[in-house]
Amino acid sequence: SFGVEASEVDGFGGGFAARLAEFTAQDG
């Protein structure tokens, strides 16, 4: 609602690390 990209994962499994790497490589 603020125009900020967001995503959700269950726990700190493989999906978490991959999504974190994707988000920290973005602008903004």
mmCIF file of all heavy atoms, coordinates in Angstrom:
data_MODEL
# 
_entry.id   MODEL 
# 
loop_
_atom_site.group_PDB 
_atom_site.id 
_atom_site.type_symbol 
_atom_site.label_atom_id 
_atom_site.label_alt_id 
_atom_site.label_comp_id 
_atom_site.label_asym_id 
_atom_site.label_entity_id 
_atom_site.label_seq_id 
_atom_site.pdbx_PDB_ins_code 
_atom_site.Cartn_x 
_atom_site.Cartn_y 
_atom_site.Cartn_z 
_atom_site.occupancy 
_atom_site.B_iso_or_equiv 
_atom_site.pdbx_formal_charge 
_atom_site.auth_seq_id 
_atom_site.auth_comp_id 
_atom_site.auth_asym_id 
_atom_site.auth_atom_id 
_atom_site.pdbx_PDB_model_num 
ATOM 1   N N   . SER A 1 1  ? 0.818  -1.209  0.000  1.00 0.00 ? 1  SER A N   1 
ATOM 2   C CA  . SER A 1 1  ? 0.000  0.000   0.000  1.00 0.00 ? 1  SER A CA  1 
ATOM 3   C C   . SER A 1 1  ? 0.853  1.261   0.000  1.00 0.00 ? 1  SER A C   1 
ATOM 4   O O   . SER A 1 1  ? 0.381  2.340   -0.371 1.00 0.00 ? 1  SER A O   1 
ATOM 5   C CB  . SER A 1 1  ? -0.949 0.006   1.207  1.00 0.00 ? 1  SER A CB  1 
ATOM 6   O OG  . SER A 1 1  ? -0.244 0.231   2.418  1.00 0.00 ? 1  SER A OG  1 
ATOM 7   N N   . PHE A 1 2  ? 2.103  1.138   0.414  1.00 0.00 ? 2  PHE A N   1 
ATOM 8   C CA  . PHE A 1 2  ? 3.047  2.255   0.376  1.00 0.00 ? 2  PHE A CA  1 
ATOM 9   C C   . PHE A 1 2  ? 3.866  2.251   -0.916 1.00 0.00 ? 2  PHE A C   1 
ATOM 10  O O   . PHE A 1 2  ? 4.749  3.089   -1.092 1.00 0.00 ? 2  PHE A O   1 
ATOM 11  C CB  . PHE A 1 2  ? 4.005  2.197   1.560  1.00 0.00 ? 2  PHE A CB  1 
ATOM 12  C CG  . PHE A 1 2  ? 3.395  2.564   2.883  1.00 0.00 ? 2  PHE A CG  1 
ATOM 13  C CD1 . PHE A 1 2  ? 2.867  1.593   3.716  1.00 0.00 ? 2  PHE A CD1 1 
ATOM 14  C CD2 . PHE A 1 2  ? 3.343  3.883   3.301  1.00 0.00 ? 2  PHE A CD2 1 
ATOM 15  C CE1 . PHE A 1 2  ? 2.308  1.924   4.947  1.00 0.00 ? 2  PHE A CE1 1 
ATOM 16  C CE2 . PHE A 1 2  ? 2.787  4.233   4.524  1.00 0.00 ? 2  PHE A CE2 1 
ATOM 17  C CZ  . PHE A 1 2  ? 2.256  3.249   5.347  1.00 0.00 ? 2  PHE A CZ  1 
ATOM 18  N N   . GLY A 1 3  ? 3.624  1.284   -1.777 1.00 0.00 ? 3  GLY A N   1 
ATOM 19  C CA  . GLY A 1 3  ? 4.408  1.164   -2.995 1.00 0.00 ? 3  GLY A CA  1 
ATOM 20  C C   . GLY A 1 3  ? 5.746  0.493   -2.779 1.00 0.00 ? 3  GLY A C   1 
ATOM 21  O O   . GLY A 1 3  ? 6.664  0.653   -3.596 1.00 0.00 ? 3  GLY A O   1 
ATOM 22  N N   . VAL A 1 4  ? 5.865  -0.265  -1.687 1.00 0.00 ? 4  VAL A N   1 
ATOM 23  C CA  . VAL A 1 4  ? 7.112  -0.955  -1.351 1.00 0.00 ? 4  VAL A CA  1 
ATOM 24  C C   . VAL A 1 4  ? 6.946  -2.440  -1.660 1.00 0.00 ? 4  VAL A C   1 
ATOM 25  O O   . VAL A 1 4  ? 5.998  -3.082  -1.180 1.00 0.00 ? 4  VAL A O   1 
ATOM 26  C CB  . VAL A 1 4  ? 7.468  -0.756  0.132  1.00 0.00 ? 4  VAL A CB  1 
ATOM 27  C CG1 . VAL A 1 4  ? 8.681  -1.605  0.522  1.00 0.00 ? 4  VAL A CG1 1 
ATOM 28  C CG2 . VAL A 1 4  ? 7.744  0.721   0.422  1.00 0.00 ? 4  VAL A CG2 1 
ATOM 29  N N   . GLU A 1 5  ? 7.847  -2.990  -2.422 1.00 0.00 ? 5  GLU A N   1 
ATOM 30  C CA  . GLU A 1 5  ? 7.777  -4.405  -2.766 1.00 0.00 ? 5  GLU A CA  1 
ATOM 31  C C   . GLU A 1 5  ? 7.947  -5.257  -1.516 1.00 0.00 ? 5  GLU A C   1 
ATOM 32  O O   . GLU A 1 5  ? 8.780  -4.963  -0.646 1.00 0.00 ? 5  GLU A O   1 
ATOM 33  C CB  . GLU A 1 5  ? 8.855  -4.776  -3.786 1.00 0.00 ? 5  GLU A CB  1 
ATOM 34  C CG  . GLU A 1 5  ? 8.780  -6.225  -4.226 1.00 0.00 ? 5  GLU A CG  1 
ATOM 35  C CD  . GLU A 1 5  ? 9.802  -6.598  -5.284 1.00 0.00 ? 5  GLU A CD  1 
ATOM 36  O OE1 . GLU A 1 5  ? 10.560 -5.698  -5.721 1.00 0.00 ? 5  GLU A OE1 1 
ATOM 37  O OE2 . GLU A 1 5  ? 9.859  -7.787  -5.668 1.00 0.00 ? 5  GLU A OE2 1 
ATOM 38  N N   . ALA A 1 6  ? 7.177  -6.331  -1.429 1.00 0.00 ? 6  ALA A N   1 
ATOM 39  C CA  . ALA A 1 6  ? 7.243  -7.217  -0.261 1.00 0.00 ? 6  ALA A CA  1 
ATOM 40  C C   . ALA A 1 6  ? 6.938  -8.636  -0.680 1.00 0.00 ? 6  ALA A C   1 
ATOM 41  O O   . ALA A 1 6  ? 6.290  -8.889  -1.705 1.00 0.00 ? 6  ALA A O   1 
ATOM 42  C CB  . ALA A 1 6  ? 6.260  -6.760  0.815  1.00 0.00 ? 6  ALA A CB  1 
ATOM 43  N N   . SER A 1 7  ? 7.425  -9.563  0.125  1.00 0.00 ? 7  SER A N   1 
ATOM 44  C CA  . SER A 1 7  ? 7.201  -10.980 -0.122 1.00 0.00 ? 7  SER A CA  1 
ATOM 45  C C   . SER A 1 7  ? 7.190  -11.699 1.213  1.00 0.00 ? 7  SER A C   1 
ATOM 46  O O   . SER A 1 7  ? 7.640  -11.156 2.227  1.00 0.00 ? 7  SER A O   1 
ATOM 47  C CB  . SER A 1 7  ? 8.305  -11.543 -1.025 1.00 0.00 ? 7  SER A CB  1 
ATOM 48  O OG  . SER A 1 7  ? 8.082  -12.900 -1.327 1.00 0.00 ? 7  SER A OG  1 
ATOM 49  N N   . GLU A 1 8  ? 6.678  -12.914 1.237  1.00 0.00 ? 8  GLU A N   1 
ATOM 50  C CA  . GLU A 1 8  ? 6.576  -13.681 2.476  1.00 0.00 ? 8  GLU A CA  1 
ATOM 51  C C   . GLU A 1 8  ? 7.099  -15.092 2.257  1.00 0.00 ? 8  GLU A C   1 
ATOM 52  O O   . GLU A 1 8  ? 6.858  -15.697 1.202  1.00 0.00 ? 8  GLU A O   1 
ATOM 53  C CB  . GLU A 1 8  ? 5.120  -13.733 2.946  1.00 0.00 ? 8  GLU A CB  1 
ATOM 54  C CG  . GLU A 1 8  ? 4.913  -14.487 4.249  1.00 0.00 ? 8  GLU A CG  1 
ATOM 55  C CD  . GLU A 1 8  ? 3.462  -14.453 4.701  1.00 0.00 ? 8  GLU A CD  1 
ATOM 56  O OE1 . GLU A 1 8  ? 2.895  -13.342 4.782  1.00 0.00 ? 8  GLU A OE1 1 
ATOM 57  O OE2 . GLU A 1 8  ? 2.908  -15.549 4.978  1.00 0.00 ? 8  GLU A OE2 1 
ATOM 58  N N   . VAL A 1 9  ? 7.827  -15.606 3.245  1.00 0.00 ? 9  VAL A N   1 
ATOM 59  C CA  . VAL A 1 9  ? 8.304  -16.991 3.214  1.00 0.00 ? 9  VAL A CA  1 
ATOM 60  C C   . VAL A 1 9  ? 7.997  -17.635 4.558  1.00 0.00 ? 9  VAL A C   1 
ATOM 61  O O   . VAL A 1 9  ? 7.846  -16.947 5.574  1.00 0.00 ? 9  VAL A O   1 
ATOM 62  C CB  . VAL A 1 9  ? 9.818  -17.077 2.930  1.00 0.00 ? 9  VAL A CB  1 
ATOM 63  C CG1 . VAL A 1 9  ? 10.147 -16.536 1.550  1.00 0.00 ? 9  VAL A CG1 1 
ATOM 64  C CG2 . VAL A 1 9  ? 10.625 -16.330 3.993  1.00 0.00 ? 9  VAL A CG2 1 
ATOM 65  N N   . ASP A 1 10 ? 7.898  -18.943 4.544  1.00 0.00 ? 10 ASP A N   1 
ATOM 66  C CA  . ASP A 1 10 ? 7.702  -19.705 5.776  1.00 0.00 ? 10 ASP A CA  1 
ATOM 67  C C   . ASP A 1 10 ? 9.052  -20.184 6.283  1.00 0.00 ? 10 ASP A C   1 
ATOM 68  O O   . ASP A 1 10 ? 9.701  -21.032 5.644  1.00 0.00 ? 10 ASP A O   1 
ATOM 69  C CB  . ASP A 1 10 ? 6.778  -20.902 5.540  1.00 0.00 ? 10 ASP A CB  1 
ATOM 70  C CG  . ASP A 1 10 ? 5.330  -20.480 5.347  1.00 0.00 ? 10 ASP A CG  1 
ATOM 71  O OD1 . ASP A 1 10 ? 4.913  -19.522 6.023  1.00 0.00 ? 10 ASP A OD1 1 
ATOM 72  O OD2 . ASP A 1 10 ? 4.635  -21.091 4.523  1.00 0.00 ? 10 ASP A OD2 1 
ATOM 73  N N   . GLY A 1 11 ? 9.501  -19.654 7.421  1.00 0.00 ? 11 GLY A N   1 
ATOM 74  C CA  . GLY A 1 11 ? 10.750 -20.091 8.031  1.00 0.00 ? 11 GLY A CA  1 
ATOM 75  C C   . GLY A 1 11 ? 11.975 -19.607 7.285  1.00 0.00 ? 11 GLY A C   1 
ATOM 76  O O   . GLY A 1 11 ? 11.904 -18.861 6.304  1.00 0.00 ? 11 GLY A O   1 
ATOM 77  N N   . PHE A 1 12 ? 13.130 -20.068 7.774  1.00 0.00 ? 12 PHE A N   1 
ATOM 78  C CA  . PHE A 1 12 ? 14.413 -19.631 7.237  1.00 0.00 ? 12 PHE A CA  1 
ATOM 79  C C   . PHE A 1 12 ? 15.039 -20.685 6.335  1.00 0.00 ? 12 PHE A C   1 
ATOM 80  O O   . PHE A 1 12 ? 16.255 -20.837 6.288  1.00 0.00 ? 12 PHE A O   1 
ATOM 81  C CB  . PHE A 1 12 ? 15.365 -19.292 8.387  1.00 0.00 ? 12 PHE A CB  1 
ATOM 82  C CG  . PHE A 1 12 ? 14.906 -18.123 9.221  1.00 0.00 ? 12 PHE A CG  1 
ATOM 83  C CD1 . PHE A 1 12 ? 14.301 -18.335 10.450 1.00 0.00 ? 12 PHE A CD1 1 
ATOM 84  C CD2 . PHE A 1 12 ? 15.060 -16.839 8.767  1.00 0.00 ? 12 PHE A CD2 1 
ATOM 85  C CE1 . PHE A 1 12 ? 13.868 -17.274 11.221 1.00 0.00 ? 12 PHE A CE1 1 
ATOM 86  C CE2 . PHE A 1 12 ? 14.634 -15.753 9.519  1.00 0.00 ? 12 PHE A CE2 1 
ATOM 87  C CZ  . PHE A 1 12 ? 14.030 -15.974 10.747 1.00 0.00 ? 12 PHE A CZ  1 
ATOM 88  N N   . GLY A 1 13 ? 14.205 -21.421 5.607  1.00 0.00 ? 13 GLY A N   1 
ATOM 89  C CA  . GLY A 1 13 ? 14.718 -22.433 4.684  1.00 0.00 ? 13 GLY A CA  1 
ATOM 90  C C   . GLY A 1 13 ? 15.357 -21.803 3.464  1.00 0.00 ? 13 GLY A C   1 
ATOM 91  O O   . GLY A 1 13 ? 15.660 -20.612 3.409  1.00 0.00 ? 13 GLY A O   1 
ATOM 92  N N   . GLY A 1 14 ? 15.522 -22.623 2.416  1.00 0.00 ? 14 GLY A N   1 
ATOM 93  C CA  . GLY A 1 14 ? 16.209 -22.171 1.213  1.00 0.00 ? 14 GLY A CA  1 
ATOM 94  C C   . GLY A 1 14 ? 15.565 -20.981 0.557  1.00 0.00 ? 14 GLY A C   1 
ATOM 95  O O   . GLY A 1 14 ? 16.228 -20.118 -0.024 1.00 0.00 ? 14 GLY A O   1 
ATOM 96  N N   . GLY A 1 15 ? 14.242 -20.902 0.645  1.00 0.00 ? 15 GLY A N   1 
ATOM 97  C CA  . GLY A 1 15 ? 13.550 -19.780 0.031  1.00 0.00 ? 15 GLY A CA  1 
ATOM 98  C C   . GLY A 1 15 ? 13.906 -18.445 0.646  1.00 0.00 ? 15 GLY A C   1 
ATOM 99  O O   . GLY A 1 15 ? 13.934 -17.414 -0.036 1.00 0.00 ? 15 GLY A O   1 
ATOM 100 N N   . PHE A 1 16 ? 14.199 -18.450 1.943  1.00 0.00 ? 16 PHE A N   1 
ATOM 101 C CA  . PHE A 1 16 ? 14.552 -17.200 2.623  1.00 0.00 ? 16 PHE A CA  1 
ATOM 102 C C   . PHE A 1 16 ? 15.851 -16.626 2.093  1.00 0.00 ? 16 PHE A C   1 
ATOM 103 O O   . PHE A 1 16 ? 15.927 -15.444 1.732  1.00 0.00 ? 16 PHE A O   1 
ATOM 104 C CB  . PHE A 1 16 ? 14.658 -17.434 4.131  1.00 0.00 ? 16 PHE A CB  1 
ATOM 105 C CG  . PHE A 1 16 ? 15.336 -16.305 4.861  1.00 0.00 ? 16 PHE A CG  1 
ATOM 106 C CD1 . PHE A 1 16 ? 14.687 -15.104 5.065  1.00 0.00 ? 16 PHE A CD1 1 
ATOM 107 C CD2 . PHE A 1 16 ? 16.634 -16.449 5.331  1.00 0.00 ? 16 PHE A CD2 1 
ATOM 108 C CE1 . PHE A 1 16 ? 15.306 -14.055 5.729  1.00 0.00 ? 16 PHE A CE1 1 
ATOM 109 C CE2 . PHE A 1 16 ? 17.267 -15.414 6.002  1.00 0.00 ? 16 PHE A CE2 1 
ATOM 110 C CZ  . PHE A 1 16 ? 16.601 -14.221 6.194  1.00 0.00 ? 16 PHE A CZ  1 
ATOM 111 N N   . ALA A 1 17 ? 16.893 -17.438 2.038  1.00 0.00 ? 17 ALA A N   1 
ATOM 112 C CA  . ALA A 1 17 ? 18.204 -16.945 1.599  1.00 0.00 ? 17 ALA A CA  1 
ATOM 113 C C   . ALA A 1 17 ? 18.145 -16.430 0.167  1.00 0.00 ? 17 ALA A C   1 
ATOM 114 O O   . ALA A 1 17 ? 18.728 -15.378 -0.154 1.00 0.00 ? 17 ALA A O   1 
ATOM 115 C CB  . ALA A 1 17 ? 19.247 -18.048 1.735  1.00 0.00 ? 17 ALA A CB  1 
ATOM 116 N N   . ALA A 1 18 ? 17.427 -17.150 -0.704 1.00 0.00 ? 18 ALA A N   1 
ATOM 117 C CA  . ALA A 1 18 ? 17.351 -16.723 -2.099 1.00 0.00 ? 18 ALA A CA  1 
ATOM 118 C C   . ALA A 1 18 ? 16.601 -15.406 -2.229 1.00 0.00 ? 18 ALA A C   1 
ATOM 119 O O   . ALA A 1 18 ? 17.008 -14.510 -2.984 1.00 0.00 ? 18 ALA A O   1 
ATOM 120 C CB  . ALA A 1 18 ? 16.662 -17.817 -2.926 1.00 0.00 ? 18 ALA A CB  1 
ATOM 121 N N   . ARG A 1 19 ? 15.497 -15.278 -1.499 1.00 0.00 ? 19 ARG A N   1 
ATOM 122 C CA  . ARG A 1 19 ? 14.720 -14.052 -1.598 1.00 0.00 ? 19 ARG A CA  1 
ATOM 123 C C   . ARG A 1 19 ? 15.475 -12.874 -0.986 1.00 0.00 ? 19 ARG A C   1 
ATOM 124 O O   . ARG A 1 19 ? 15.416 -11.756 -1.496 1.00 0.00 ? 19 ARG A O   1 
ATOM 125 C CB  . ARG A 1 19 ? 13.370 -14.237 -0.914 1.00 0.00 ? 19 ARG A CB  1 
ATOM 126 C CG  . ARG A 1 19 ? 12.381 -13.092 -1.147 1.00 0.00 ? 19 ARG A CG  1 
ATOM 127 C CD  . ARG A 1 19 ? 12.113 -12.877 -2.640 1.00 0.00 ? 19 ARG A CD  1 
ATOM 128 N NE  . ARG A 1 19 ? 11.630 -14.070 -3.301 1.00 0.00 ? 19 ARG A NE  1 
ATOM 129 C CZ  . ARG A 1 19 ? 10.360 -14.464 -3.321 1.00 0.00 ? 19 ARG A CZ  1 
ATOM 130 N NH1 . ARG A 1 19 ? 9.434  -13.734 -2.710 1.00 0.00 ? 19 ARG A NH1 1 
ATOM 131 N NH2 . ARG A 1 19 ? 10.008 -15.566 -3.951 1.00 0.00 ? 19 ARG A NH2 1 
ATOM 132 N N   . LEU A 1 20 ? 16.197 -13.115 0.118  1.00 0.00 ? 20 LEU A N   1 
ATOM 133 C CA  . LEU A 1 20 ? 16.983 -12.044 0.713  1.00 0.00 ? 20 LEU A CA  1 
ATOM 134 C C   . LEU A 1 20 ? 18.059 -11.561 -0.255 1.00 0.00 ? 20 LEU A C   1 
ATOM 135 O O   . LEU A 1 20 ? 18.281 -10.352 -0.414 1.00 0.00 ? 20 LEU A O   1 
ATOM 136 C CB  . LEU A 1 20 ? 17.618 -12.497 2.022  1.00 0.00 ? 20 LEU A CB  1 
ATOM 137 C CG  . LEU A 1 20 ? 18.475 -11.449 2.738  1.00 0.00 ? 20 LEU A CG  1 
ATOM 138 C CD1 . LEU A 1 20 ? 17.620 -10.270 3.199  1.00 0.00 ? 20 LEU A CD1 1 
ATOM 139 C CD2 . LEU A 1 20 ? 19.205 -12.056 3.939  1.00 0.00 ? 20 LEU A CD2 1 
ATOM 140 N N   . ALA A 1 21 ? 18.723 -12.501 -0.917 1.00 0.00 ? 21 ALA A N   1 
ATOM 141 C CA  . ALA A 1 21 ? 19.749 -12.124 -1.890 1.00 0.00 ? 21 ALA A CA  1 
ATOM 142 C C   . ALA A 1 21 ? 19.139 -11.302 -3.023 1.00 0.00 ? 21 ALA A C   1 
ATOM 143 O O   . ALA A 1 21 ? 19.742 -10.330 -3.503 1.00 0.00 ? 21 ALA A O   1 
ATOM 144 C CB  . ALA A 1 21 ? 20.421 -13.379 -2.440 1.00 0.00 ? 21 ALA A CB  1 
ATOM 145 N N   . GLU A 1 22 ? 17.933 -11.681 -3.454 1.00 0.00 ? 22 GLU A N   1 
ATOM 146 C CA  . GLU A 1 22 ? 17.250 -10.937 -4.517 1.00 0.00 ? 22 GLU A CA  1 
ATOM 147 C C   . GLU A 1 22 ? 16.903 -9.522  -4.061 1.00 0.00 ? 22 GLU A C   1 
ATOM 148 O O   . GLU A 1 22 ? 17.147 -8.541  -4.773 1.00 0.00 ? 22 GLU A O   1 
ATOM 149 C CB  . GLU A 1 22 ? 15.974 -11.682 -4.906 1.00 0.00 ? 22 GLU A CB  1 
ATOM 150 C CG  . GLU A 1 22 ? 15.100 -10.962 -5.919 1.00 0.00 ? 22 GLU A CG  1 
ATOM 151 C CD  . GLU A 1 22 ? 13.759 -11.643 -6.103 1.00 0.00 ? 22 GLU A CD  1 
ATOM 152 O OE1 . GLU A 1 22 ? 13.647 -12.858 -5.806 1.00 0.00 ? 22 GLU A OE1 1 
ATOM 153 O OE2 . GLU A 1 22 ? 12.795 -10.956 -6.515 1.00 0.00 ? 22 GLU A OE2 1 
ATOM 154 N N   . PHE A 1 23 ? 16.354 -9.402  -2.850 1.00 0.00 ? 23 PHE A N   1 
ATOM 155 C CA  . PHE A 1 23 ? 15.927 -8.094  -2.360 1.00 0.00 ? 23 PHE A CA  1 
ATOM 156 C C   . PHE A 1 23 ? 17.103 -7.163  -2.109 1.00 0.00 ? 23 PHE A C   1 
ATOM 157 O O   . PHE A 1 23 ? 17.025 -5.964  -2.383 1.00 0.00 ? 23 PHE A O   1 
ATOM 158 C CB  . PHE A 1 23 ? 15.096 -8.258  -1.086 1.00 0.00 ? 23 PHE A CB  1 
ATOM 159 C CG  . PHE A 1 23 ? 13.626 -8.495  -1.340 1.00 0.00 ? 23 PHE A CG  1 
ATOM 160 C CD1 . PHE A 1 23 ? 13.170 -8.913  -2.571 1.00 0.00 ? 23 PHE A CD1 1 
ATOM 161 C CD2 . PHE A 1 23 ? 12.698 -8.317  -0.328 1.00 0.00 ? 23 PHE A CD2 1 
ATOM 162 C CE1 . PHE A 1 23 ? 11.828 -9.140  -2.813 1.00 0.00 ? 23 PHE A CE1 1 
ATOM 163 C CE2 . PHE A 1 23 ? 11.348 -8.522  -0.546 1.00 0.00 ? 23 PHE A CE2 1 
ATOM 164 C CZ  . PHE A 1 23 ? 10.910 -8.926  -1.801 1.00 0.00 ? 23 PHE A CZ  1 
ATOM 165 N N   . THR A 1 24 ? 18.187 -7.680  -1.559 1.00 0.00 ? 24 THR A N   1 
ATOM 166 C CA  . THR A 1 24 ? 19.327 -6.815  -1.248 1.00 0.00 ? 24 THR A CA  1 
ATOM 167 C C   . THR A 1 24 ? 20.093 -6.401  -2.493 1.00 0.00 ? 24 THR A C   1 
ATOM 168 O O   . THR A 1 24 ? 20.940 -5.499  -2.422 1.00 0.00 ? 24 THR A O   1 
ATOM 169 C CB  . THR A 1 24 ? 20.285 -7.505  -0.260 1.00 0.00 ? 24 THR A CB  1 
ATOM 170 O OG1 . THR A 1 24 ? 20.666 -8.782  -0.772 1.00 0.00 ? 24 THR A OG1 1 
ATOM 171 C CG2 . THR A 1 24 ? 19.633 -7.671  1.103  1.00 0.00 ? 24 THR A CG2 1 
ATOM 172 N N   . ALA A 1 25 ? 19.800 -7.012  -3.620 1.00 0.00 ? 25 ALA A N   1 
ATOM 173 C CA  . ALA A 1 25 ? 20.437 -6.615  -4.878 1.00 0.00 ? 25 ALA A CA  1 
ATOM 174 C C   . ALA A 1 25 ? 19.641 -5.544  -5.602 1.00 0.00 ? 25 ALA A C   1 
ATOM 175 O O   . ALA A 1 25 ? 20.096 -5.002  -6.617 1.00 0.00 ? 25 ALA A O   1 
ATOM 176 C CB  . ALA A 1 25 ? 20.600 -7.830  -5.787 1.00 0.00 ? 25 ALA A CB  1 
ATOM 177 N N   . GLN A 1 26 ? 18.460 -5.204  -5.094 1.00 0.00 ? 26 GLN A N   1 
ATOM 178 C CA  . GLN A 1 26 ? 17.592 -4.227  -5.742 1.00 0.00 ? 26 GLN A CA  1 
ATOM 179 C C   . GLN A 1 26 ? 17.909 -2.807  -5.285 1.00 0.00 ? 26 GLN A C   1 
ATOM 180 O O   . GLN A 1 26 ? 18.622 -2.593  -4.309 1.00 0.00 ? 26 GLN A O   1 
ATOM 181 C CB  . GLN A 1 26 ? 16.123 -4.551  -5.437 1.00 0.00 ? 26 GLN A CB  1 
ATOM 182 C CG  . GLN A 1 26 ? 15.631 -5.861  -6.020 1.00 0.00 ? 26 GLN A CG  1 
ATOM 183 C CD  . GLN A 1 26 ? 14.185 -6.147  -5.646 1.00 0.00 ? 26 GLN A CD  1 
ATOM 184 O OE1 . GLN A 1 26 ? 13.553 -5.380  -4.918 1.00 0.00 ? 26 GLN A OE1 1 
ATOM 185 N NE2 . GLN A 1 26 ? 13.652 -7.256  -6.139 1.00 0.00 ? 26 GLN A NE2 1 
ATOM 186 N N   . ASP A 1 27 ? 17.337 -1.859  -5.994 1.00 0.00 ? 27 ASP A N   1 
ATOM 187 C CA  . ASP A 1 27 ? 17.353 -0.468  -5.554 1.00 0.00 ? 27 ASP A CA  1 
ATOM 188 C C   . ASP A 1 27 ? 16.127 -0.218  -4.693 1.00 0.00 ? 27 ASP A C   1 
ATOM 189 O O   . ASP A 1 27 ? 15.100 -0.870  -4.834 1.00 0.00 ? 27 ASP A O   1 
ATOM 190 C CB  . ASP A 1 27 ? 17.336 0.482   -6.758 1.00 0.00 ? 27 ASP A CB  1 
ATOM 191 C CG  . ASP A 1 27 ? 18.578 0.354   -7.612 1.00 0.00 ? 27 ASP A CG  1 
ATOM 192 O OD1 . ASP A 1 27 ? 19.649 0.072   -7.047 1.00 0.00 ? 27 ASP A OD1 1 
ATOM 193 O OD2 . ASP A 1 27 ? 18.467 0.534   -8.838 1.00 0.00 ? 27 ASP A OD2 1 
ATOM 194 N N   . GLY A 1 28 ? 16.229 0.756   -3.805 1.00 0.00 ? 28 GLY A N   1 
ATOM 195 C CA  . GLY A 1 28 ? 15.073 1.161   -3.020 1.00 0.00 ? 28 GLY A CA  1 
ATOM 196 C C   . GLY A 1 28 ? 14.708 0.179   -1.933 1.00 0.00 ? 28 GLY A C   1 
ATOM 197 O O   . GLY A 1 28 ? 15.388 -0.819  -1.684 1.00 0.00 ? 28 GLY A O   1 
# 
